N, C-alpha and C. Protein backbone atom coordinates (compact mmCIF):
# COMPACT_ATOMS: atom_id res chain seq x y z
N MET A 1 -4.01 2.73 -26.78
CA MET A 1 -3.85 3.44 -25.64
C MET A 1 -4.41 2.95 -24.69
N ALA A 2 -4.15 2.92 -23.05
CA ALA A 2 -4.93 2.93 -21.70
C ALA A 2 -5.02 4.42 -21.48
N GLU A 3 -6.44 4.59 -20.79
CA GLU A 3 -6.77 5.66 -20.11
C GLU A 3 -6.37 5.81 -19.52
N LEU A 4 -5.33 7.38 -19.42
CA LEU A 4 -4.85 8.04 -17.98
C LEU A 4 -5.68 8.54 -17.09
N ARG A 5 -5.64 8.83 -16.33
CA ARG A 5 -5.99 9.70 -15.28
C ARG A 5 -5.50 10.40 -14.54
N GLU A 6 -5.49 11.94 -14.06
CA GLU A 6 -4.71 12.37 -13.07
C GLU A 6 -5.19 12.21 -11.40
N ILE A 7 -4.69 12.20 -10.38
CA ILE A 7 -4.60 11.71 -8.80
C ILE A 7 -3.20 12.52 -8.01
N PRO A 8 -3.73 12.61 -6.85
CA PRO A 8 -2.54 13.13 -6.38
C PRO A 8 -1.67 12.07 -5.59
N LEU A 9 -0.47 11.71 -5.70
CA LEU A 9 0.00 10.69 -5.02
C LEU A 9 1.03 11.37 -3.60
N PHE A 10 0.83 10.31 -2.68
CA PHE A 10 1.52 10.62 -1.67
C PHE A 10 2.22 9.30 -1.27
N PRO A 11 3.54 9.76 -1.67
CA PRO A 11 5.09 8.71 -1.34
C PRO A 11 5.34 8.42 0.48
N LEU A 12 5.16 6.99 0.20
CA LEU A 12 5.94 6.67 2.30
C LEU A 12 6.68 5.49 2.02
N GLY A 13 6.84 5.48 2.67
CA GLY A 13 7.52 4.18 2.79
C GLY A 13 7.46 3.09 3.08
N VAL A 14 6.08 2.48 3.33
CA VAL A 14 5.23 1.71 2.95
C VAL A 14 4.86 1.13 1.51
N VAL A 15 4.39 -0.04 1.63
CA VAL A 15 3.81 -0.67 0.41
C VAL A 15 2.33 -1.06 0.81
N LEU A 16 1.15 -0.40 -0.12
CA LEU A 16 0.26 -0.87 0.36
C LEU A 16 -0.84 -1.74 -0.57
N PHE A 17 -1.43 -2.86 -0.48
CA PHE A 17 -1.83 -3.51 -1.24
C PHE A 17 -3.56 -3.49 -1.31
N GLN A 18 -4.25 -4.28 -2.47
CA GLN A 18 -5.54 -4.11 -2.82
C GLN A 18 -5.68 -4.83 -1.20
N GLY A 19 -7.28 -4.17 -0.78
CA GLY A 19 -7.81 -4.51 0.47
C GLY A 19 -7.02 -4.72 1.94
N GLY A 20 -6.03 -3.96 1.55
CA GLY A 20 -5.15 -4.04 2.74
C GLY A 20 -5.83 -2.15 3.30
N ARG A 21 -5.52 -2.17 4.45
CA ARG A 21 -5.20 -1.12 5.82
C ARG A 21 -3.94 -0.40 6.15
N LEU A 22 -3.67 1.16 6.22
CA LEU A 22 -2.54 1.37 6.56
C LEU A 22 -3.16 2.61 7.05
N PRO A 23 -2.39 2.56 8.50
CA PRO A 23 -2.85 4.05 9.69
C PRO A 23 -1.83 4.88 9.51
N LEU A 24 -1.72 5.76 9.07
CA LEU A 24 -1.30 7.14 9.21
C LEU A 24 -1.65 8.51 9.92
N ARG A 25 -0.54 8.70 10.21
CA ARG A 25 -0.37 10.46 11.35
C ARG A 25 -0.29 11.11 10.09
N ILE A 26 -1.08 12.14 10.02
CA ILE A 26 -0.90 13.42 8.69
C ILE A 26 -0.50 14.68 9.39
N PHE A 27 0.66 15.61 9.13
CA PHE A 27 0.81 16.46 10.03
C PHE A 27 1.29 17.84 8.50
N GLU A 28 1.76 17.53 7.40
CA GLU A 28 2.02 18.82 6.50
C GLU A 28 1.06 18.87 5.98
N PRO A 29 1.27 20.53 6.15
CA PRO A 29 -0.24 21.17 5.54
C PRO A 29 -0.57 20.41 4.19
N ARG A 30 0.48 20.18 3.21
CA ARG A 30 -0.12 19.59 1.42
C ARG A 30 -0.83 18.29 2.02
N TYR A 31 -0.44 17.56 2.52
CA TYR A 31 -1.55 16.42 3.23
C TYR A 31 -2.64 16.52 3.68
N LEU A 32 -2.42 17.38 4.29
CA LEU A 32 -3.88 17.44 5.34
C LEU A 32 -4.74 18.34 4.05
N ASP A 33 -4.59 19.38 3.63
CA ASP A 33 -5.16 19.77 2.30
C ASP A 33 -5.68 18.49 1.64
N MET A 34 -4.87 17.99 1.06
CA MET A 34 -5.31 17.13 0.23
C MET A 34 -6.52 15.74 0.57
N ILE A 35 -6.33 15.29 2.26
CA ILE A 35 -6.59 14.51 2.66
C ILE A 35 -8.30 14.54 2.99
N SER A 36 -8.18 16.35 3.12
CA SER A 36 -9.78 17.09 3.36
C SER A 36 -10.39 17.37 2.14
N GLU A 37 -9.68 17.26 1.24
CA GLU A 37 -10.31 17.48 -0.66
C GLU A 37 -11.00 16.19 -0.69
N ARG A 38 -9.86 15.19 -0.59
CA ARG A 38 -10.47 13.94 -0.74
C ARG A 38 -11.47 12.84 -0.38
N MET A 39 -11.66 13.50 1.12
CA MET A 39 -12.49 13.12 1.92
C MET A 39 -13.69 13.86 1.43
N ARG A 40 -14.07 15.13 0.79
CA ARG A 40 -14.96 15.78 0.75
C ARG A 40 -15.83 15.25 -0.36
N GLU A 41 -14.77 14.68 -1.52
CA GLU A 41 -15.13 14.10 -2.85
C GLU A 41 -14.87 12.45 -2.84
N ASN A 42 -14.97 12.33 -1.88
CA ASN A 42 -15.17 10.84 -1.59
C ASN A 42 -14.06 10.05 -2.44
N GLY A 43 -12.97 10.45 -3.05
CA GLY A 43 -11.88 10.68 -3.95
C GLY A 43 -10.89 9.57 -3.51
N PRO A 44 -10.09 8.95 -4.54
CA PRO A 44 -8.57 8.19 -4.21
C PRO A 44 -7.78 9.11 -4.05
N PHE A 45 -6.93 8.72 -3.41
CA PHE A 45 -5.29 9.20 -3.57
C PHE A 45 -4.70 7.98 -3.84
N GLY A 46 -2.95 8.35 -4.78
CA GLY A 46 -2.37 6.94 -4.68
C GLY A 46 -0.97 7.10 -3.85
N ILE A 47 -0.89 5.73 -3.39
CA ILE A 47 0.14 5.43 -2.40
C ILE A 47 1.09 4.81 -2.87
N VAL A 48 2.39 5.44 -3.04
CA VAL A 48 3.48 4.87 -3.89
C VAL A 48 4.96 4.81 -2.88
N LEU A 49 5.81 3.82 -3.16
CA LEU A 49 6.47 3.72 -2.61
C LEU A 49 7.88 4.56 -2.88
N ILE A 50 8.83 4.91 -2.02
CA ILE A 50 9.86 5.47 -1.73
C ILE A 50 11.18 5.14 -2.70
N ARG A 51 11.56 5.26 -4.00
CA ARG A 51 12.78 4.50 -4.28
C ARG A 51 14.30 5.30 -3.20
N SER A 52 13.95 6.34 -3.84
CA SER A 52 15.06 7.07 -2.38
C SER A 52 14.38 8.86 -2.62
N GLY A 53 15.08 9.07 -1.55
CA GLY A 53 14.89 10.55 -0.88
C GLY A 53 13.42 10.03 0.31
N ALA A 54 13.28 11.61 0.76
CA ALA A 54 12.44 11.17 2.49
C ALA A 54 10.95 12.02 1.35
N ASP A 55 10.13 11.73 3.04
CA ASP A 55 8.55 11.64 2.46
C ASP A 55 8.11 12.69 2.88
N ALA A 56 8.85 13.17 4.43
CA ALA A 56 8.51 14.54 4.80
C ALA A 56 9.79 15.83 4.49
N ARG A 57 9.07 17.05 3.93
CA ARG A 57 9.75 18.19 3.27
C ARG A 57 10.83 18.59 4.31
N VAL A 58 11.37 19.28 4.27
CA VAL A 58 12.46 19.51 4.92
C VAL A 58 12.84 21.07 4.67
N ALA A 59 12.92 21.60 3.73
CA ALA A 59 12.85 22.40 3.01
C ALA A 59 12.08 23.05 1.79
N ASP A 60 11.81 24.35 2.10
CA ASP A 60 11.37 24.75 0.28
C ASP A 60 11.66 24.37 -1.07
N ASP A 61 13.26 24.16 -0.74
CA ASP A 61 13.58 23.68 -2.28
C ASP A 61 14.42 21.87 -2.32
N ALA A 62 13.68 21.64 -0.90
CA ALA A 62 13.88 20.27 -0.93
C ALA A 62 12.90 19.22 -2.92
N PRO A 63 13.93 18.59 -3.47
CA PRO A 63 13.20 17.53 -4.08
C PRO A 63 12.46 17.03 -3.61
N GLN A 64 11.17 16.63 -4.82
CA GLN A 64 10.78 15.46 -4.84
C GLN A 64 11.22 13.99 -4.82
N PRO A 65 11.23 13.30 -3.54
CA PRO A 65 11.46 11.69 -3.47
C PRO A 65 11.27 10.83 -5.39
N GLU A 66 12.22 9.99 -5.63
CA GLU A 66 12.07 9.37 -6.22
C GLU A 66 11.49 8.02 -5.74
N ILE A 67 10.02 8.25 -6.92
CA ILE A 67 9.30 6.52 -6.45
C ILE A 67 9.24 5.68 -7.50
N PHE A 68 9.07 4.87 -7.22
CA PHE A 68 8.62 3.64 -7.80
C PHE A 68 7.38 3.45 -8.89
N GLU A 69 6.99 3.07 -10.09
CA GLU A 69 6.38 3.29 -10.91
C GLU A 69 4.03 2.58 -10.45
N VAL A 70 4.84 1.72 -10.25
CA VAL A 70 3.68 1.15 -9.40
C VAL A 70 3.25 1.20 -7.80
N GLY A 71 2.38 1.72 -8.26
CA GLY A 71 1.20 1.89 -6.78
C GLY A 71 0.12 1.42 -6.20
N THR A 72 -0.82 1.82 -5.15
CA THR A 72 -2.07 1.37 -5.08
C THR A 72 -2.67 2.94 -4.66
N GLU A 73 -4.07 2.94 -5.17
CA GLU A 73 -4.93 3.78 -4.87
C GLU A 73 -5.63 3.57 -3.39
N ALA A 74 -6.06 4.33 -2.61
CA ALA A 74 -6.05 4.34 -1.24
C ALA A 74 -7.69 5.67 -1.04
N ARG A 75 -8.63 4.53 0.12
CA ARG A 75 -9.31 5.82 0.18
C ARG A 75 -9.40 5.87 1.54
N VAL A 76 -9.55 7.03 2.30
CA VAL A 76 -10.09 7.06 4.19
C VAL A 76 -11.61 6.54 4.31
N VAL A 77 -11.17 5.37 5.48
CA VAL A 77 -12.09 4.59 5.81
C VAL A 77 -12.34 4.86 7.29
N ASP A 78 -11.13 5.68 7.96
CA ASP A 78 -11.86 6.33 9.66
C ASP A 78 -10.80 6.90 9.38
N PHE A 79 -10.82 8.22 10.43
CA PHE A 79 -10.03 8.91 10.69
C PHE A 79 -10.61 9.82 12.19
N ASN A 80 -9.79 10.48 12.92
CA ASN A 80 -10.03 11.06 14.51
C ASN A 80 -8.34 11.98 14.48
N ALA A 81 -8.70 13.13 14.78
CA ALA A 81 -8.17 14.18 15.58
C ALA A 81 -6.89 13.98 16.53
N LEU A 82 -5.84 14.26 16.22
CA LEU A 82 -4.49 13.96 16.95
C LEU A 82 -4.17 15.02 17.49
N ASP A 83 -3.45 14.80 18.85
CA ASP A 83 -2.84 16.48 19.64
C ASP A 83 -2.07 16.67 18.48
N GLY A 84 -1.71 18.15 19.45
CA GLY A 84 -1.13 19.15 18.29
C GLY A 84 -1.13 19.16 16.67
N GLY A 85 -2.75 19.06 16.47
CA GLY A 85 -3.20 19.28 15.18
C GLY A 85 -3.19 18.28 14.32
N LEU A 86 -2.38 17.03 14.72
CA LEU A 86 -2.22 16.02 13.50
C LEU A 86 -3.64 15.34 13.35
N LEU A 87 -3.84 14.52 12.21
CA LEU A 87 -4.78 13.77 11.98
C LEU A 87 -4.27 12.40 11.72
N GLY A 88 -5.12 11.80 12.35
CA GLY A 88 -5.13 10.03 12.31
C GLY A 88 -5.90 10.07 11.48
N ILE A 89 -5.63 9.08 10.17
CA ILE A 89 -6.73 8.35 9.23
C ILE A 89 -5.66 6.93 8.87
N VAL A 90 -6.92 6.04 8.79
CA VAL A 90 -6.80 4.33 8.51
C VAL A 90 -7.13 4.62 6.81
N VAL A 91 -6.46 4.26 5.78
CA VAL A 91 -6.58 3.67 4.60
C VAL A 91 -6.80 2.70 4.42
N GLU A 92 -7.57 2.72 3.05
CA GLU A 92 -7.69 1.03 2.43
C GLU A 92 -7.14 0.90 0.90
N GLY A 93 -6.83 0.11 0.76
CA GLY A 93 -6.45 0.03 -0.74
C GLY A 93 -7.02 -0.63 -1.76
N SER A 94 -7.16 -0.03 -3.10
CA SER A 94 -8.29 -0.76 -3.96
C SER A 94 -6.95 -1.10 -5.12
N CYS A 95 -7.51 -0.75 -6.27
CA CYS A 95 -6.91 -0.92 -7.66
C CYS A 95 -4.97 -0.52 -7.51
N LYS A 96 -4.48 -0.77 -8.52
CA LYS A 96 -2.71 -0.67 -8.54
C LYS A 96 -3.09 0.23 -10.08
N PHE A 97 -1.75 0.95 -9.86
CA PHE A 97 -1.81 1.86 -11.11
C PHE A 97 -0.17 1.87 -11.43
N ARG A 98 0.27 2.09 -13.01
CA ARG A 98 1.70 2.98 -13.05
C ARG A 98 1.31 3.88 -13.43
N VAL A 99 2.72 4.68 -12.61
CA VAL A 99 2.70 6.26 -13.03
C VAL A 99 3.41 6.46 -14.36
N HIS A 100 2.70 7.41 -14.70
CA HIS A 100 3.26 7.85 -16.36
C HIS A 100 3.89 8.87 -16.49
N LYS A 101 3.52 9.82 -15.54
CA LYS A 101 4.15 11.35 -15.71
C LYS A 101 3.61 11.55 -13.94
N THR A 102 4.39 12.63 -13.63
CA THR A 102 4.64 13.61 -11.88
C THR A 102 5.01 14.65 -12.56
N TRP A 103 4.07 15.74 -11.62
CA TRP A 103 4.36 17.13 -11.41
C TRP A 103 4.10 17.46 -10.05
N GLU A 104 4.67 18.57 -9.64
CA GLU A 104 4.81 19.07 -8.30
C GLU A 104 3.99 20.51 -8.15
N GLN A 105 2.97 20.53 -7.91
CA GLN A 105 1.93 21.21 -7.49
C GLN A 105 2.40 22.91 -6.59
N ASP A 106 1.99 23.99 -6.65
CA ASP A 106 2.54 25.09 -5.42
C ASP A 106 3.42 24.79 -4.20
N ASP A 107 1.74 23.92 -3.80
CA ASP A 107 2.21 23.36 -2.04
C ASP A 107 3.02 22.73 -2.25
N HIS A 108 3.62 21.95 -3.16
CA HIS A 108 4.35 20.82 -3.19
C HIS A 108 3.76 19.67 -3.04
N LEU A 109 2.67 19.64 -3.10
CA LEU A 109 2.00 18.26 -3.44
C LEU A 109 2.33 17.31 -4.65
N LEU A 110 2.74 16.29 -4.78
CA LEU A 110 3.06 15.80 -6.02
C LEU A 110 1.82 15.08 -6.75
N ARG A 111 1.62 14.93 -7.89
CA ARG A 111 0.75 14.72 -8.57
C ARG A 111 0.99 13.74 -10.23
N GLY A 112 0.13 12.98 -9.80
CA GLY A 112 0.26 12.26 -10.89
C GLY A 112 -0.22 11.56 -12.62
N LEU A 113 -0.25 11.11 -13.38
CA LEU A 113 -0.80 10.99 -14.54
C LEU A 113 -0.96 9.54 -14.63
N VAL A 114 -1.78 8.83 -14.31
CA VAL A 114 -1.30 7.18 -13.58
C VAL A 114 -2.64 6.25 -14.72
N GLU A 115 -1.64 5.12 -15.14
CA GLU A 115 -2.89 4.10 -15.92
C GLU A 115 -3.40 3.11 -14.53
N THR A 116 -4.93 2.75 -14.72
CA THR A 116 -5.19 2.01 -13.33
C THR A 116 -4.89 0.33 -14.12
N LEU A 117 -4.14 -0.53 -13.90
CA LEU A 117 -3.78 -1.66 -14.21
C LEU A 117 -4.73 -3.04 -13.78
N PRO A 118 -4.72 -3.93 -14.42
CA PRO A 118 -5.78 -5.06 -14.88
C PRO A 118 -6.26 -5.35 -13.25
N ALA A 119 -7.51 -5.64 -13.09
CA ALA A 119 -7.56 -6.33 -11.56
C ALA A 119 -7.12 -8.14 -11.60
N GLU A 120 -6.73 -8.18 -10.47
CA GLU A 120 -5.66 -9.87 -10.86
C GLU A 120 -6.91 -10.54 -10.94
N LEU A 121 -6.73 -12.05 -11.27
CA LEU A 121 -7.86 -13.10 -11.21
C LEU A 121 -7.07 -13.47 -10.28
N GLY A 122 -8.60 -13.98 -9.44
CA GLY A 122 -8.16 -14.91 -8.16
C GLY A 122 -7.59 -16.32 -8.13
N GLY A 123 -8.80 -17.62 -7.71
CA GLY A 123 -8.21 -18.90 -7.78
C GLY A 123 -7.84 -19.30 -6.28
N ALA A 124 -8.19 -20.28 -6.90
CA ALA A 124 -8.16 -21.32 -5.46
C ALA A 124 -6.69 -21.96 -4.62
N LEU A 125 -6.74 -22.30 -3.78
CA LEU A 125 -5.72 -22.19 -2.86
C LEU A 125 -5.30 -24.03 -2.79
N SER A 126 -4.09 -24.20 -2.61
CA SER A 126 -4.08 -25.55 -2.55
C SER A 126 -3.32 -26.36 -1.24
N ASP A 127 -3.65 -27.65 -1.10
CA ASP A 127 -2.99 -28.06 0.18
C ASP A 127 -1.55 -27.82 0.69
N ALA A 128 -0.52 -27.10 -0.50
CA ALA A 128 0.78 -26.63 -0.37
C ALA A 128 0.79 -25.00 0.22
N ASP A 129 -0.53 -24.28 0.30
CA ASP A 129 -0.44 -23.28 0.44
C ASP A 129 -1.08 -23.02 1.89
N GLN A 130 -1.16 -24.10 2.45
CA GLN A 130 -2.17 -23.93 4.31
C GLN A 130 -0.98 -23.31 5.03
N PRO A 131 0.16 -23.73 5.19
CA PRO A 131 1.52 -23.12 6.27
C PRO A 131 1.27 -21.46 5.52
N LEU A 132 1.15 -20.88 4.60
CA LEU A 132 1.09 -19.53 4.45
C LEU A 132 -0.05 -19.00 5.07
N ILE A 133 -1.46 -19.68 4.80
CA ILE A 133 -2.96 -19.21 5.21
C ILE A 133 -2.24 -19.19 7.00
N ASP A 134 -1.49 -20.65 7.57
CA ASP A 134 -1.91 -20.30 9.01
C ASP A 134 -0.16 -19.30 9.51
N ILE A 135 0.34 -18.77 8.66
CA ILE A 135 1.07 -17.40 9.37
C ILE A 135 0.41 -16.33 8.49
N LEU A 136 -0.55 -16.35 7.27
CA LEU A 136 -1.43 -15.14 7.93
C LEU A 136 -2.47 -14.61 9.16
N LYS A 137 -3.13 -16.48 9.38
CA LYS A 137 -3.43 -16.00 10.37
C LYS A 137 -3.18 -16.08 11.83
N ALA A 138 -1.88 -16.08 12.11
CA ALA A 138 -1.40 -15.28 13.36
C ALA A 138 -0.96 -14.56 12.70
N LEU A 139 -0.71 -13.71 11.98
CA LEU A 139 -0.47 -12.32 11.68
C LEU A 139 -1.49 -11.62 11.79
N LEU A 140 -2.66 -11.82 11.37
CA LEU A 140 -3.98 -11.52 11.81
C LEU A 140 -4.19 -11.15 13.53
N LYS A 141 -3.64 -12.31 14.21
CA LYS A 141 -4.16 -11.68 15.27
C LYS A 141 -2.98 -10.43 16.43
N HIS A 142 -2.37 -10.36 16.02
CA HIS A 142 -1.29 -9.46 16.39
C HIS A 142 -2.00 -7.96 17.08
N PRO A 143 -1.94 -7.75 17.76
CA PRO A 143 -3.04 -6.49 18.18
C PRO A 143 -3.39 -5.25 17.42
N MET A 144 -1.93 -4.62 16.72
CA MET A 144 -2.01 -3.78 16.23
C MET A 144 -2.37 -4.02 14.80
N VAL A 145 -2.52 -5.62 13.93
CA VAL A 145 -3.05 -5.90 13.25
C VAL A 145 -4.55 -6.12 13.40
N GLU A 146 -5.44 -6.34 14.19
CA GLU A 146 -6.67 -6.84 15.22
C GLU A 146 -7.26 -5.25 14.89
N LYS A 147 -6.29 -4.32 15.22
CA LYS A 147 -7.27 -2.89 15.39
C LYS A 147 -7.88 -2.40 14.23
N LEU A 148 -6.90 -2.92 12.65
CA LEU A 148 -7.19 -2.83 11.38
C LEU A 148 -8.69 -3.34 10.99
N GLY A 149 -8.87 -4.07 11.58
CA GLY A 149 -10.31 -5.09 11.29
C GLY A 149 -10.64 -5.23 9.88
N LEU A 150 -9.65 -6.04 9.53
CA LEU A 150 -8.91 -6.36 8.11
C LEU A 150 -10.16 -7.77 7.76
N GLU A 151 -10.86 -7.67 6.40
CA GLU A 151 -11.47 -9.27 6.32
C GLU A 151 -10.95 -9.74 5.05
N VAL A 152 -10.91 -11.09 5.34
CA VAL A 152 -9.82 -12.30 4.99
C VAL A 152 -10.42 -13.15 4.31
N ASP A 153 -10.84 -13.48 2.52
CA ASP A 153 -11.33 -14.20 2.22
C ASP A 153 -9.96 -15.69 2.10
N PHE A 154 -9.99 -17.00 3.41
CA PHE A 154 -9.03 -17.65 3.21
C PHE A 154 -9.38 -18.29 2.13
N GLY A 155 -10.00 -18.84 0.99
CA GLY A 155 -10.03 -19.44 0.26
C GLY A 155 -9.98 -19.12 -1.47
N ASP A 156 -9.15 -17.99 -0.96
CA ASP A 156 -9.25 -16.76 -2.30
C ASP A 156 -7.59 -16.75 -2.11
N ALA A 157 -6.52 -17.16 -3.51
CA ALA A 157 -5.57 -17.13 -3.78
C ALA A 157 -5.07 -15.98 -3.57
N GLY A 158 -6.01 -15.15 -4.12
CA GLY A 158 -5.28 -13.19 -4.74
C GLY A 158 -5.26 -12.12 -2.94
N ALA A 159 -6.74 -12.85 -2.55
CA ALA A 159 -6.49 -12.11 -0.77
C ALA A 159 -5.63 -12.47 -0.15
N VAL A 160 -5.70 -14.23 0.12
CA VAL A 160 -4.56 -14.73 1.01
C VAL A 160 -3.28 -13.70 0.43
N SER A 161 -2.38 -14.02 -0.96
CA SER A 161 -1.49 -13.61 -1.33
C SER A 161 -1.34 -11.69 -0.78
N ARG A 162 -1.99 -11.27 -1.20
CA ARG A 162 -2.12 -10.04 -1.03
C ARG A 162 -1.70 -9.86 0.41
N HIS A 163 -2.54 -10.23 1.29
CA HIS A 163 -2.80 -9.46 2.79
C HIS A 163 -1.40 -10.01 3.12
N LEU A 164 -1.04 -11.41 2.98
CA LEU A 164 0.02 -11.75 3.43
C LEU A 164 1.44 -10.96 3.00
N ALA A 165 1.70 -10.59 1.69
CA ALA A 165 2.75 -9.79 1.35
C ALA A 165 2.85 -8.62 2.31
N GLU A 166 1.59 -7.92 2.87
CA GLU A 166 1.64 -6.56 3.12
C GLU A 166 1.65 -6.89 4.67
N LEU A 167 1.59 -7.77 5.44
CA LEU A 167 1.97 -7.76 6.91
C LEU A 167 2.91 -8.71 7.30
N LEU A 168 3.92 -9.59 6.35
CA LEU A 168 4.67 -9.76 6.81
C LEU A 168 6.19 -9.17 6.85
N PRO A 169 7.30 -9.48 7.59
CA PRO A 169 7.87 -8.85 8.44
C PRO A 169 9.33 -8.11 7.02
N VAL A 170 8.90 -7.76 6.06
CA VAL A 170 10.06 -7.99 5.08
C VAL A 170 10.44 -6.41 4.52
N GLU A 171 11.49 -6.40 3.65
CA GLU A 171 11.71 -4.66 3.64
C GLU A 171 10.57 -4.28 2.78
N PRO A 172 10.37 -3.14 2.76
CA PRO A 172 9.49 -2.32 1.59
C PRO A 172 10.09 -2.79 0.05
N GLU A 173 11.37 -3.01 -0.24
CA GLU A 173 11.29 -3.00 -1.37
C GLU A 173 11.11 -4.42 -2.21
N ILE A 174 10.95 -5.54 -1.04
CA ILE A 174 10.60 -7.01 -1.29
C ILE A 174 8.99 -7.15 -1.40
N LYS A 175 8.05 -6.02 -0.57
CA LYS A 175 6.95 -5.77 -0.63
C LYS A 175 6.36 -5.28 -2.08
N GLN A 176 7.37 -4.36 -2.68
CA GLN A 176 7.34 -3.67 -3.60
C GLN A 176 7.40 -4.45 -4.98
N SER A 177 7.78 -5.85 -4.64
CA SER A 177 8.00 -6.55 -6.29
C SER A 177 7.46 -7.62 -5.99
N LEU A 178 6.98 -7.76 -4.34
CA LEU A 178 5.13 -8.47 -4.56
C LEU A 178 3.72 -8.40 -5.36
N LEU A 179 3.75 -6.43 -4.72
CA LEU A 179 3.10 -5.97 -5.11
C LEU A 179 2.97 -5.80 -6.82
N GLN A 180 4.26 -5.30 -7.82
CA GLN A 180 3.93 -5.52 -8.96
C GLN A 180 3.71 -7.02 -9.66
N LEU A 181 4.08 -8.09 -9.16
CA LEU A 181 3.19 -9.14 -9.43
C LEU A 181 1.77 -9.21 -9.88
N SER A 182 1.08 -9.82 -11.49
CA SER A 182 0.07 -10.19 -11.40
C SER A 182 -0.28 -11.50 -11.04
N SER A 183 0.20 -12.21 -10.77
CA SER A 183 -0.84 -13.61 -10.59
C SER A 183 -0.37 -13.67 -9.43
N PRO A 184 -1.50 -13.98 -8.36
CA PRO A 184 -1.43 -14.34 -7.17
C PRO A 184 -0.42 -15.86 -6.64
N LYS A 185 -0.65 -16.95 -7.89
CA LYS A 185 -0.23 -17.76 -7.76
C LYS A 185 1.81 -17.98 -7.64
N GLU A 186 2.12 -16.40 -8.47
CA GLU A 186 3.28 -16.06 -8.50
C GLU A 186 4.00 -15.92 -6.78
N ARG A 187 2.56 -14.84 -6.88
CA ARG A 187 3.22 -14.10 -5.47
C ARG A 187 3.10 -15.22 -3.81
N LEU A 188 1.93 -15.86 -4.57
CA LEU A 188 2.00 -16.91 -3.18
C LEU A 188 3.64 -17.65 -3.40
N ASN A 189 4.37 -18.07 -4.50
CA ASN A 189 5.33 -18.97 -4.84
C ASN A 189 6.75 -18.34 -4.06
N GLU A 190 6.36 -16.44 -4.09
CA GLU A 190 7.45 -15.84 -3.85
C GLU A 190 7.46 -16.05 -2.56
N LEU A 191 6.10 -15.82 -1.59
CA LEU A 191 6.28 -15.64 -0.50
C LEU A 191 6.42 -17.11 0.39
N ARG A 192 6.71 -18.43 -0.41
CA ARG A 192 7.23 -20.05 -0.03
C ARG A 192 8.41 -19.98 -0.03
N ARG A 193 9.33 -18.98 -0.30
CA ARG A 193 10.75 -18.79 -0.47
C ARG A 193 10.86 -17.41 0.55
N LEU A 194 10.13 -16.26 0.65
CA LEU A 194 10.17 -15.54 1.51
C LEU A 194 10.43 -17.08 3.08
N VAL A 195 9.26 -16.82 3.25
CA VAL A 195 8.82 -18.22 4.37
C VAL A 195 10.16 -18.94 4.69
N THR A 196 10.77 -19.77 4.17
CA THR A 196 11.54 -20.25 4.08
C THR A 196 13.05 -19.36 4.30
N ARG A 197 12.91 -18.22 3.78
CA ARG A 197 14.28 -17.81 4.23
C ARG A 197 14.20 -17.75 5.52
N LEU A 198 13.56 -16.63 5.43
CA LEU A 198 13.23 -15.83 7.24
C LEU A 198 13.36 -17.13 8.25
N ARG A 199 12.38 -18.35 7.81
CA ARG A 199 12.88 -19.08 8.98
C ARG A 199 13.99 -19.69 9.12
N GLY A 200 15.26 -19.32 8.07
CA GLY A 200 15.93 -20.18 8.05
C GLY A 200 17.25 -18.98 8.54
N SER A 201 16.63 -17.71 8.52
CA SER A 201 17.86 -16.95 9.24
C SER A 201 17.68 -16.53 10.85
N PHE A 202 16.39 -17.39 11.44
CA PHE A 202 15.92 -17.50 12.88
C PHE A 202 16.39 -18.60 13.33
N SER A 203 17.02 -19.92 12.62
CA SER A 203 17.29 -21.19 12.92
C SER A 203 18.85 -21.23 13.13
């Protein structure tokens, strides 16, 4: 039986990958408290994609959103106070996990019992992957992406596949399916198909 541990969960409409960075604006008390506690303890929390429902709580009796089972641990790497009592943070993704059970705290924060998934193996890239590397390099030059200060090993299939999957402009559900793959080679093959499809839609 895999070891399970408890972490707070942050359901969102975006997908975070290992090594990726995500800027967030925090305003709900439950998440302000959670981020404060995680920063004090230098602990992780989990980012999970919403399958259905809303990320913001519109009423006390509103149900928690339905989430996908596989998510990514996140740690705060930068923060700043924003106008109106908001907190701006940048989080970085680390390991993937599978959610086995969830429950809600009194303050409506979602918590989960999670299993850490095995680390992905790296691997070399081939000449056939060069077009994907070129696309990733172009995406990294976007001003909003440049601000994140991402460090990418362009010789590692895992790093290239994860960063491209995160930055490519496709639906969150597609990103989720790419996240759930355990092989960088499989992810690169799927990304090739996606890029071909995207190019076809613009031609």
